[in-house]
């Protein structure tokens, strides 16, 4: 069912509220441009404009599903407020984690798999364990070489040495934003299944 452009947002919302998914889709379609406009002035650390737009769309969907026509506010005002609120929340969340390690769940130096221990042979009970552990280390390095570009490998090495984004940027001749983007790509590649 197509909805006429003369139908108000509140009328569309009422149809969507009664379970008409087409009305809900039409309301979302009408406000997609609004989401893009609201997202335009913001920057998401470790993300791009499409990530922000996606967050804004979550805010719009929240507005569609939680609007209360009994309040003295138009759907448009409520939707813009929900979208902006979702964008600001996403930015604050991303900013908190901007300078954290790649991912706490990705450990290259767990107690069972510490390269320094492998090389020294400590914590290994027999030669078979040493061989197996070295094979796992070689497999890890091979996997990294397959998945990461030369720049990403360089940045990962510096990152694992504990250098800041600013220091890595200076050493690689890249901007801090470029380093952050590379770290996000590395994180994505290392957490993505083959």
N, C-alpha and C. Protein backbone atom coordinates (compact mmCIF):
# COMPACT_ATOMS: atom_id res chain seq x y z
N UNK A 1 0.85 -1.18 0.00
CA UNK A 1 0.00 0.00 0.00
C UNK A 1 0.89 1.24 0.00
N UNK A 2 0.67 2.13 -0.94
CA UNK A 2 1.43 3.38 -1.01
C UNK A 2 0.71 4.44 -0.18
N UNK A 3 1.48 5.29 0.45
CA UNK A 3 0.91 6.34 1.28
C UNK A 3 1.10 7.68 0.58
N UNK A 4 0.05 8.48 0.55
CA UNK A 4 0.17 9.79 -0.10
C UNK A 4 1.09 10.72 0.69
N UNK A 5 1.81 11.59 -0.02
CA UNK A 5 2.70 12.54 0.63
C UNK A 5 1.95 13.52 1.51
N UNK A 6 0.63 13.63 1.30
CA UNK A 6 -0.17 14.55 2.10
C UNK A 6 -0.47 13.99 3.48
N UNK A 7 -0.21 12.72 3.67
CA UNK A 7 -0.45 12.09 4.96
C UNK A 7 0.60 12.62 5.95
N UNK A 8 0.15 13.06 7.12
CA UNK A 8 1.08 13.62 8.10
C UNK A 8 1.92 12.51 8.73
N UNK A 9 3.01 12.93 9.34
CA UNK A 9 3.87 11.98 10.03
C UNK A 9 3.12 11.28 11.15
N UNK A 10 2.28 12.05 11.85
CA UNK A 10 1.53 11.49 12.96
C UNK A 10 0.52 10.45 12.46
N UNK A 11 -0.10 10.70 11.31
CA UNK A 11 -1.03 9.73 10.73
C UNK A 11 -0.28 8.46 10.31
N UNK A 12 0.87 8.65 9.72
CA UNK A 12 1.69 7.49 9.35
C UNK A 12 2.11 6.72 10.59
N UNK A 13 2.51 7.44 11.63
CA UNK A 13 2.91 6.78 12.86
C UNK A 13 1.77 5.96 13.43
N UNK A 14 0.56 6.54 13.40
CA UNK A 14 -0.62 5.84 13.93
C UNK A 14 -0.83 4.53 13.18
N UNK A 15 -0.70 4.55 11.84
CA UNK A 15 -0.85 3.32 11.04
C UNK A 15 0.26 2.33 11.41
N UNK A 16 1.48 2.82 11.56
CA UNK A 16 2.60 1.95 11.93
C UNK A 16 2.37 1.36 13.32
N UNK A 17 1.87 2.18 14.23
CA UNK A 17 1.60 1.74 15.60
C UNK A 17 0.54 0.63 15.63
N UNK A 18 -0.37 0.65 14.67
CA UNK A 18 -1.40 -0.39 14.58
C UNK A 18 -0.86 -1.66 13.92
N UNK A 19 0.43 -1.65 13.53
CA UNK A 19 1.04 -2.86 12.97
C UNK A 19 1.27 -2.82 11.48
N UNK A 20 1.03 -1.70 10.84
CA UNK A 20 1.24 -1.59 9.40
C UNK A 20 2.74 -1.36 9.13
N UNK A 21 3.45 -2.42 8.73
CA UNK A 21 4.89 -2.30 8.51
C UNK A 21 5.22 -1.39 7.33
N UNK A 22 4.31 -1.32 6.36
CA UNK A 22 4.53 -0.44 5.21
C UNK A 22 4.52 1.02 5.67
N UNK A 23 3.65 1.35 6.60
CA UNK A 23 3.61 2.71 7.13
C UNK A 23 4.89 3.01 7.90
N UNK A 24 5.38 2.03 8.65
CA UNK A 24 6.63 2.21 9.38
C UNK A 24 7.79 2.44 8.39
N UNK A 25 7.84 1.65 7.34
CA UNK A 25 8.88 1.81 6.32
C UNK A 25 8.80 3.17 5.65
N UNK A 26 7.60 3.63 5.38
CA UNK A 26 7.41 4.95 4.75
C UNK A 26 7.89 6.07 5.67
N UNK A 27 7.59 5.94 6.94
CA UNK A 27 8.03 6.94 7.92
C UNK A 27 9.56 6.98 7.99
N UNK A 28 10.18 5.81 7.99
CA UNK A 28 11.64 5.73 8.00
C UNK A 28 12.20 6.31 6.71
N UNK A 29 11.59 6.00 5.58
CA UNK A 29 12.05 6.54 4.30
C UNK A 29 12.00 8.07 4.31
N UNK A 30 10.92 8.63 4.85
CA UNK A 30 10.78 10.08 4.90
C UNK A 30 11.88 10.75 5.72
N UNK A 31 12.36 10.07 6.74
CA UNK A 31 13.32 10.69 7.65
C UNK A 31 14.77 10.25 7.43
N UNK A 32 15.03 9.47 6.40
CA UNK A 32 16.40 9.05 6.11
C UNK A 32 17.28 10.27 5.81
N UNK A 33 16.77 11.23 5.07
CA UNK A 33 17.53 12.44 4.77
C UNK A 33 17.80 13.23 6.06
N UNK A 34 16.82 13.27 6.94
CA UNK A 34 16.99 13.96 8.22
C UNK A 34 18.13 13.32 9.02
N UNK A 35 18.20 11.99 9.00
CA UNK A 35 19.28 11.29 9.70
C UNK A 35 20.63 11.72 9.12
N UNK A 36 20.72 11.75 7.80
CA UNK A 36 21.98 12.15 7.15
C UNK A 36 22.36 13.58 7.51
N UNK A 37 21.38 14.46 7.55
CA UNK A 37 21.64 15.86 7.90
C UNK A 37 22.11 15.97 9.35
N UNK A 38 21.46 15.22 10.25
CA UNK A 38 21.85 15.25 11.67
C UNK A 38 23.25 14.68 11.86
N UNK A 39 23.64 13.67 11.07
CA UNK A 39 24.94 13.01 11.24
C UNK A 39 26.09 13.81 10.64
N UNK A 40 25.80 14.67 9.68
CA UNK A 40 26.83 15.38 8.93
C UNK A 40 27.85 16.13 9.80
N UNK A 41 27.46 16.86 10.83
CA UNK A 41 28.47 17.62 11.58
C UNK A 41 29.29 16.80 12.57
N UNK A 42 29.00 15.52 12.72
CA UNK A 42 29.67 14.72 13.74
C UNK A 42 30.80 13.89 13.14
N UNK A 43 31.73 13.48 14.03
CA UNK A 43 32.84 12.61 13.66
C UNK A 43 32.88 11.46 14.65
N UNK A 44 33.00 10.24 14.14
CA UNK A 44 33.03 9.05 14.98
C UNK A 44 34.43 8.46 14.95
N UNK A 45 35.11 8.48 16.10
CA UNK A 45 36.46 7.92 16.18
C UNK A 45 36.43 6.44 15.81
N UNK A 46 37.26 6.08 14.87
CA UNK A 46 37.32 4.69 14.45
C UNK A 46 36.21 4.28 13.52
N UNK A 47 35.41 5.22 13.06
CA UNK A 47 34.31 4.91 12.16
C UNK A 47 34.28 5.87 11.00
N UNK A 48 33.27 5.73 10.18
CA UNK A 48 33.11 6.66 9.07
C UNK A 48 31.69 7.20 9.06
N UNK A 49 31.37 7.99 8.06
CA UNK A 49 30.06 8.63 8.03
C UNK A 49 28.93 7.61 7.94
N UNK A 50 29.16 6.49 7.27
CA UNK A 50 28.11 5.47 7.17
C UNK A 50 27.82 4.84 8.54
N UNK A 51 28.86 4.71 9.36
CA UNK A 51 28.65 4.19 10.72
C UNK A 51 27.76 5.14 11.52
N UNK A 52 28.02 6.43 11.36
CA UNK A 52 27.19 7.43 12.05
C UNK A 52 25.76 7.39 11.54
N UNK A 53 25.60 7.26 10.25
CA UNK A 53 24.25 7.22 9.68
C UNK A 53 23.50 5.99 10.20
N UNK A 54 24.21 4.88 10.30
CA UNK A 54 23.58 3.67 10.85
C UNK A 54 23.13 3.90 12.29
N UNK A 55 23.98 4.55 13.09
CA UNK A 55 23.59 4.86 14.46
C UNK A 55 22.37 5.77 14.48
N UNK A 56 22.37 6.76 13.58
CA UNK A 56 21.23 7.67 13.48
C UNK A 56 19.95 6.94 13.10
N UNK A 57 20.08 5.94 12.23
CA UNK A 57 18.91 5.15 11.82
C UNK A 57 18.35 4.36 13.01
N UNK A 58 19.24 3.91 13.90
CA UNK A 58 18.77 3.24 15.12
C UNK A 58 17.96 4.23 15.96
N UNK A 59 18.44 5.46 16.04
CA UNK A 59 17.71 6.50 16.76
C UNK A 59 16.35 6.76 16.14
N UNK A 60 16.30 6.79 14.81
CA UNK A 60 15.03 7.00 14.10
C UNK A 60 14.07 5.84 14.36
N UNK A 61 14.59 4.63 14.30
CA UNK A 61 13.75 3.46 14.57
C UNK A 61 13.20 3.50 15.99
N UNK A 62 14.03 3.94 16.93
CA UNK A 62 13.56 4.11 18.30
C UNK A 62 12.42 5.12 18.35
N UNK A 63 12.58 6.23 17.62
CA UNK A 63 11.54 7.26 17.61
C UNK A 63 10.23 6.72 17.04
N UNK A 64 10.33 5.95 15.95
CA UNK A 64 9.13 5.38 15.32
C UNK A 64 8.42 4.45 16.30
N UNK A 65 9.17 3.70 17.05
CA UNK A 65 8.55 2.70 17.92
C UNK A 65 8.15 3.24 19.29
N UNK A 66 8.66 4.43 19.67
CA UNK A 66 8.39 4.93 21.02
C UNK A 66 7.72 6.30 21.06
N UNK A 67 7.36 6.84 19.92
CA UNK A 67 6.71 8.15 19.88
C UNK A 67 5.40 8.10 20.66
N UNK A 68 5.13 9.17 21.40
CA UNK A 68 3.89 9.27 22.17
C UNK A 68 3.14 10.50 21.68
N UNK A 69 2.07 10.31 20.90
CA UNK A 69 1.34 11.46 20.38
C UNK A 69 0.62 12.26 21.46
N UNK A 70 0.53 11.71 22.66
CA UNK A 70 -0.12 12.41 23.77
C UNK A 70 0.73 13.56 24.31
N UNK A 71 2.00 13.53 24.02
CA UNK A 71 2.87 14.64 24.46
C UNK A 71 2.73 15.79 23.48
N UNK A 72 3.06 16.94 23.93
CA UNK A 72 2.90 18.14 23.10
C UNK A 72 4.16 18.37 22.26
N UNK A 73 4.49 17.39 21.41
CA UNK A 73 5.66 17.49 20.55
C UNK A 73 5.35 16.76 19.23
N UNK A 74 5.84 17.33 18.13
CA UNK A 74 5.58 16.70 16.83
C UNK A 74 6.49 15.50 16.64
N UNK A 75 6.11 14.62 15.74
CA UNK A 75 6.95 13.46 15.47
C UNK A 75 8.31 13.92 14.95
N UNK A 76 8.33 14.92 14.12
CA UNK A 76 9.59 15.41 13.54
C UNK A 76 10.56 15.84 14.65
N UNK A 77 10.09 16.62 15.59
CA UNK A 77 10.93 17.09 16.69
C UNK A 77 11.43 15.91 17.52
N UNK A 78 10.53 14.97 17.82
CA UNK A 78 10.89 13.80 18.61
C UNK A 78 11.93 12.96 17.87
N UNK A 79 11.72 12.74 16.57
CA UNK A 79 12.65 11.94 15.77
C UNK A 79 14.03 12.58 15.73
N UNK A 80 14.08 13.89 15.49
CA UNK A 80 15.37 14.59 15.45
C UNK A 80 16.09 14.48 16.79
N UNK A 81 15.35 14.59 17.87
CA UNK A 81 15.94 14.47 19.20
C UNK A 81 16.49 13.06 19.43
N UNK A 82 15.74 12.03 19.04
CA UNK A 82 16.18 10.64 19.21
C UNK A 82 17.42 10.35 18.36
N UNK A 83 17.41 10.84 17.12
CA UNK A 83 18.55 10.62 16.22
C UNK A 83 19.80 11.30 16.79
N UNK A 84 19.68 12.56 17.18
CA UNK A 84 20.82 13.31 17.72
C UNK A 84 21.33 12.66 19.00
N UNK A 85 20.43 12.23 19.85
CA UNK A 85 20.81 11.59 21.10
C UNK A 85 21.60 10.31 20.83
N UNK A 86 21.14 9.51 19.87
CA UNK A 86 21.82 8.26 19.52
C UNK A 86 23.20 8.55 18.94
N UNK A 87 23.32 9.59 18.11
CA UNK A 87 24.61 9.96 17.53
C UNK A 87 25.60 10.38 18.62
N UNK A 88 25.14 11.22 19.53
CA UNK A 88 26.01 11.71 20.61
C UNK A 88 26.46 10.54 21.50
N UNK A 89 25.55 9.63 21.80
CA UNK A 89 25.89 8.46 22.61
C UNK A 89 26.95 7.61 21.91
N UNK A 90 26.78 7.38 20.61
CA UNK A 90 27.76 6.58 19.85
C UNK A 90 29.13 7.24 19.84
N UNK A 91 29.15 8.55 19.69
CA UNK A 91 30.42 9.30 19.66
C UNK A 91 31.10 9.24 21.02
N UNK A 92 30.34 9.43 22.08
CA UNK A 92 30.92 9.35 23.43
C UNK A 92 31.48 7.96 23.70
N UNK A 93 30.74 6.94 23.32
CA UNK A 93 31.20 5.57 23.53
C UNK A 93 32.48 5.32 22.75
N UNK A 94 32.52 5.73 21.50
CA UNK A 94 33.72 5.53 20.67
C UNK A 94 34.90 6.31 21.22
N UNK A 95 34.67 7.50 21.73
CA UNK A 95 35.76 8.33 22.25
C UNK A 95 36.38 7.71 23.50
N UNK A 96 35.58 7.05 24.29
CA UNK A 96 36.11 6.41 25.50
C UNK A 96 37.10 5.31 25.14
N UNK A 97 36.86 4.63 24.04
CA UNK A 97 37.68 3.48 23.67
C UNK A 97 38.69 3.81 22.58
N UNK A 98 38.79 5.07 22.19
CA UNK A 98 39.64 5.46 21.07
C UNK A 98 41.09 5.04 21.25
N UNK A 99 41.62 5.20 22.43
CA UNK A 99 43.03 4.92 22.64
C UNK A 99 43.29 3.62 23.39
N UNK A 100 42.29 2.75 23.44
CA UNK A 100 42.48 1.47 24.10
C UNK A 100 43.17 0.51 23.14
N UNK A 101 43.71 -0.59 23.65
CA UNK A 101 44.33 -1.58 22.77
C UNK A 101 43.34 -2.09 21.74
N UNK A 102 43.87 -2.70 20.69
CA UNK A 102 43.04 -3.17 19.58
C UNK A 102 41.74 -3.81 20.05
N UNK A 103 41.86 -4.75 20.93
CA UNK A 103 40.68 -5.43 21.43
C UNK A 103 41.13 -6.27 22.61
N UNK A 104 40.51 -6.07 23.74
CA UNK A 104 40.95 -6.81 24.93
C UNK A 104 40.84 -8.32 24.75
N UNK A 105 39.97 -8.76 23.86
CA UNK A 105 39.79 -10.19 23.68
C UNK A 105 40.84 -10.80 22.76
N UNK A 106 41.62 -9.96 22.08
CA UNK A 106 42.68 -10.46 21.22
C UNK A 106 43.98 -10.30 21.97
N UNK A 107 44.53 -11.38 22.44
CA UNK A 107 45.77 -11.31 23.19
C UNK A 107 46.84 -12.05 22.42
N UNK A 108 47.93 -11.37 22.18
CA UNK A 108 49.05 -12.00 21.52
C UNK A 108 50.03 -12.55 22.54
N UNK A 109 49.83 -12.23 23.79
CA UNK A 109 50.75 -12.65 24.82
C UNK A 109 50.01 -13.20 26.03
N UNK A 110 49.19 -14.20 25.81
CA UNK A 110 48.49 -14.82 26.94
C UNK A 110 49.50 -15.68 27.70
N UNK A 111 49.21 -16.02 28.95
CA UNK A 111 50.16 -16.82 29.72
C UNK A 111 50.52 -18.13 29.02
N UNK A 112 49.58 -18.72 28.30
CA UNK A 112 49.86 -19.98 27.63
C UNK A 112 50.63 -19.78 26.34
N UNK A 113 50.69 -18.53 25.85
CA UNK A 113 51.26 -18.31 24.52
C UNK A 113 52.10 -17.05 24.51
N UNK A 114 53.08 -16.99 25.36
CA UNK A 114 53.95 -15.83 25.44
C UNK A 114 55.23 -16.14 24.68
N UNK A 115 55.52 -15.36 23.63
CA UNK A 115 56.65 -15.62 22.77
C UNK A 115 57.98 -15.62 23.54
N UNK A 116 58.09 -14.77 24.55
CA UNK A 116 59.33 -14.74 25.34
C UNK A 116 59.53 -16.08 26.05
N UNK A 117 58.45 -16.66 26.53
CA UNK A 117 58.55 -17.96 27.19
C UNK A 117 58.86 -19.05 26.17
N UNK A 118 58.32 -18.91 24.98
CA UNK A 118 58.57 -19.89 23.93
C UNK A 118 60.06 -19.92 23.61
N UNK A 119 60.62 -18.73 23.43
CA UNK A 119 62.02 -18.65 23.06
C UNK A 119 62.93 -19.14 24.18
N UNK A 120 62.56 -18.87 25.42
CA UNK A 120 63.40 -19.30 26.54
C UNK A 120 63.12 -20.74 26.92
N UNK A 121 61.97 -21.26 26.50
CA UNK A 121 61.62 -22.64 26.79
C UNK A 121 60.99 -22.83 28.15
N UNK A 122 60.74 -21.73 28.89
CA UNK A 122 60.12 -21.88 30.21
C UNK A 122 58.66 -22.24 30.06
N UNK A 123 58.11 -22.88 31.05
CA UNK A 123 56.71 -23.34 31.09
C UNK A 123 56.42 -24.44 30.07
N UNK A 124 57.43 -24.97 29.44
CA UNK A 124 57.21 -26.08 28.51
C UNK A 124 57.80 -27.34 29.14
N UNK A 125 56.98 -28.38 29.22
CA UNK A 125 57.39 -29.58 29.92
C UNK A 125 58.27 -30.50 29.09
N UNK A 126 58.04 -30.52 27.79
CA UNK A 126 58.85 -31.42 26.97
C UNK A 126 59.08 -30.82 25.59
N UNK A 127 59.99 -31.42 24.82
CA UNK A 127 60.32 -30.89 23.49
C UNK A 127 59.12 -30.86 22.54
N UNK A 128 58.20 -31.80 22.70
CA UNK A 128 57.01 -31.83 21.84
C UNK A 128 56.18 -30.56 22.01
N UNK A 129 56.02 -30.11 23.27
CA UNK A 129 55.29 -28.87 23.53
C UNK A 129 55.99 -27.69 22.88
N UNK A 130 57.32 -27.67 22.94
CA UNK A 130 58.09 -26.59 22.33
C UNK A 130 57.87 -26.55 20.82
N UNK A 131 57.89 -27.70 20.17
CA UNK A 131 57.67 -27.78 18.72
C UNK A 131 56.25 -27.33 18.37
N UNK A 132 55.27 -27.81 19.09
CA UNK A 132 53.88 -27.45 18.83
C UNK A 132 53.67 -25.94 19.01
N UNK A 133 54.24 -25.40 20.07
CA UNK A 133 54.09 -23.97 20.34
C UNK A 133 54.76 -23.14 19.26
N UNK A 134 55.95 -23.57 18.81
CA UNK A 134 56.62 -22.84 17.71
C UNK A 134 55.79 -22.91 16.44
N UNK A 135 55.19 -24.06 16.16
CA UNK A 135 54.33 -24.19 14.97
C UNK A 135 53.13 -23.25 15.07
N UNK A 136 52.54 -23.14 16.26
CA UNK A 136 51.42 -22.22 16.45
C UNK A 136 51.86 -20.77 16.25
N UNK A 137 53.07 -20.44 16.73
CA UNK A 137 53.60 -19.09 16.54
C UNK A 137 53.80 -18.80 15.06
N UNK A 138 54.39 -19.76 14.34
CA UNK A 138 54.60 -19.59 12.90
C UNK A 138 53.28 -19.45 12.16
N UNK A 139 52.28 -20.22 12.59
CA UNK A 139 50.96 -20.15 11.97
C UNK A 139 50.33 -18.77 12.20
N UNK A 140 50.49 -18.25 13.40
CA UNK A 140 49.96 -16.92 13.72
C UNK A 140 50.63 -15.86 12.85
N UNK A 141 51.96 -15.91 12.75
CA UNK A 141 52.68 -14.94 11.93
C UNK A 141 52.29 -15.06 10.46
N UNK A 142 52.12 -16.28 9.98
CA UNK A 142 51.71 -16.50 8.59
C UNK A 142 50.32 -15.92 8.34
N UNK A 143 49.42 -16.15 9.30
CA UNK A 143 48.06 -15.61 9.17
C UNK A 143 48.08 -14.08 9.13
N UNK A 144 48.91 -13.47 9.99
CA UNK A 144 49.02 -12.01 9.99
C UNK A 144 49.56 -11.52 8.65
N UNK A 145 50.55 -12.21 8.11
CA UNK A 145 51.13 -11.80 6.83
C UNK A 145 50.12 -11.89 5.69
N UNK A 146 49.23 -12.87 5.75
CA UNK A 146 48.21 -13.02 4.71
C UNK A 146 47.13 -11.95 4.81
N UNK A 147 46.73 -11.61 6.02
CA UNK A 147 45.59 -10.72 6.22
C UNK A 147 45.94 -9.24 6.19
N UNK A 148 47.16 -8.88 6.60
CA UNK A 148 47.48 -7.47 6.78
C UNK A 148 48.37 -6.93 5.66
N UNK A 149 48.15 -5.68 5.32
CA UNK A 149 49.03 -5.01 4.36
C UNK A 149 50.35 -4.68 5.04
N UNK A 150 51.33 -4.26 4.27
CA UNK A 150 52.64 -3.91 4.83
C UNK A 150 52.50 -2.80 5.86
N UNK A 151 51.71 -1.76 5.53
CA UNK A 151 51.50 -0.65 6.46
C UNK A 151 50.82 -1.14 7.73
N UNK A 152 49.80 -1.98 7.60
CA UNK A 152 49.09 -2.49 8.77
C UNK A 152 50.02 -3.31 9.67
N UNK A 153 50.91 -4.12 9.07
CA UNK A 153 51.86 -4.90 9.87
C UNK A 153 52.81 -3.97 10.62
N UNK A 154 53.27 -2.92 9.94
CA UNK A 154 54.18 -1.97 10.58
C UNK A 154 53.48 -1.28 11.75
N UNK A 155 52.25 -0.83 11.51
CA UNK A 155 51.49 -0.15 12.56
C UNK A 155 51.21 -1.11 13.72
N UNK A 156 50.87 -2.36 13.41
CA UNK A 156 50.62 -3.34 14.47
C UNK A 156 51.87 -3.56 15.32
N UNK A 157 53.03 -3.67 14.67
CA UNK A 157 54.28 -3.85 15.42
C UNK A 157 54.51 -2.68 16.38
N UNK A 158 54.36 -1.46 15.88
CA UNK A 158 54.54 -0.29 16.73
C UNK A 158 53.50 -0.26 17.85
N UNK A 159 52.27 -0.62 17.50
CA UNK A 159 51.18 -0.62 18.47
C UNK A 159 51.46 -1.60 19.60
N UNK A 160 51.94 -2.80 19.23
CA UNK A 160 52.23 -3.82 20.24
C UNK A 160 53.45 -3.46 21.08
N UNK A 161 54.30 -2.56 20.55
CA UNK A 161 55.42 -2.05 21.35
C UNK A 161 54.95 -1.03 22.37
N UNK A 162 53.69 -0.59 22.26
CA UNK A 162 53.13 0.35 23.22
C UNK A 162 53.21 1.79 22.78
N UNK A 163 53.55 2.04 21.50
CA UNK A 163 53.62 3.42 21.02
C UNK A 163 52.22 4.01 20.91
N UNK A 164 52.12 5.32 21.12
CA UNK A 164 50.84 6.02 20.99
C UNK A 164 50.54 6.24 19.51
N UNK A 165 49.30 6.59 19.19
CA UNK A 165 48.93 6.89 17.81
C UNK A 165 49.81 8.01 17.25
N UNK A 166 50.08 9.00 18.08
CA UNK A 166 50.90 10.14 17.65
C UNK A 166 52.31 9.68 17.30
N UNK A 167 52.90 8.82 18.14
CA UNK A 167 54.25 8.30 17.87
C UNK A 167 54.26 7.44 16.61
N UNK A 168 53.25 6.60 16.45
CA UNK A 168 53.17 5.74 15.27
C UNK A 168 53.03 6.61 14.02
N UNK A 169 52.21 7.65 14.10
CA UNK A 169 52.03 8.55 12.96
C UNK A 169 53.36 9.20 12.58
N UNK A 170 54.13 9.62 13.57
CA UNK A 170 55.42 10.26 13.30
C UNK A 170 56.39 9.27 12.65
N UNK A 171 56.40 8.04 13.13
CA UNK A 171 57.33 7.03 12.60
C UNK A 171 56.95 6.58 11.19
N UNK A 172 55.65 6.55 10.89
CA UNK A 172 55.21 6.06 9.59
C UNK A 172 54.96 7.17 8.58
N UNK A 173 55.01 8.43 9.03
CA UNK A 173 54.75 9.54 8.13
C UNK A 173 53.28 9.65 7.74
N UNK A 174 52.41 9.15 8.59
CA UNK A 174 50.96 9.19 8.35
C UNK A 174 50.31 10.10 9.38
N UNK A 175 49.05 10.45 9.12
CA UNK A 175 48.31 11.25 10.09
C UNK A 175 47.82 10.35 11.22
N UNK A 176 47.47 10.94 12.35
CA UNK A 176 46.93 10.18 13.48
C UNK A 176 45.63 9.50 13.05
N UNK A 177 44.81 10.18 12.26
CA UNK A 177 43.55 9.60 11.77
C UNK A 177 43.83 8.38 10.90
N UNK A 178 44.88 8.46 10.06
CA UNK A 178 45.25 7.33 9.20
C UNK A 178 45.68 6.14 10.05
N UNK A 179 46.42 6.40 11.11
CA UNK A 179 46.85 5.33 12.03
C UNK A 179 45.62 4.72 12.70
N UNK A 180 44.71 5.56 13.17
CA UNK A 180 43.49 5.06 13.81
C UNK A 180 42.69 4.20 12.84
N UNK A 181 42.57 4.65 11.59
CA UNK A 181 41.85 3.86 10.58
C UNK A 181 42.52 2.50 10.36
N UNK A 182 43.86 2.50 10.30
CA UNK A 182 44.59 1.24 10.12
C UNK A 182 44.37 0.30 11.32
N UNK A 183 44.39 0.84 12.52
CA UNK A 183 44.16 0.03 13.72
C UNK A 183 42.75 -0.59 13.67
N UNK A 184 41.79 0.19 13.22
CA UNK A 184 40.42 -0.34 13.13
C UNK A 184 40.34 -1.44 12.07
N UNK A 185 41.05 -1.26 10.94
CA UNK A 185 41.07 -2.31 9.90
C UNK A 185 41.73 -3.58 10.45
N UNK A 186 42.82 -3.42 11.17
CA UNK A 186 43.53 -4.57 11.76
C UNK A 186 42.59 -5.31 12.70
N UNK A 187 41.94 -4.55 13.55
CA UNK A 187 41.01 -5.15 14.52
C UNK A 187 39.93 -5.94 13.78
N UNK A 188 39.39 -5.36 12.72
CA UNK A 188 38.34 -6.01 11.96
C UNK A 188 38.87 -7.29 11.30
N UNK A 189 40.05 -7.21 10.70
CA UNK A 189 40.61 -8.37 10.01
C UNK A 189 40.94 -9.50 10.98
N UNK A 190 41.42 -9.16 12.16
CA UNK A 190 41.84 -10.19 13.11
C UNK A 190 40.66 -10.82 13.84
N UNK A 191 39.55 -10.14 13.90
CA UNK A 191 38.38 -10.73 14.57
C UNK A 191 37.43 -11.38 13.60
N UNK A 192 37.63 -11.14 12.30
CA UNK A 192 36.75 -11.72 11.29
C UNK A 192 37.18 -13.14 10.99
N UNK A 193 36.22 -14.08 10.91
CA UNK A 193 36.60 -15.46 10.56
C UNK A 193 37.14 -15.49 9.14
N UNK A 194 37.90 -16.53 8.84
CA UNK A 194 38.52 -16.65 7.50
C UNK A 194 37.51 -16.59 6.40
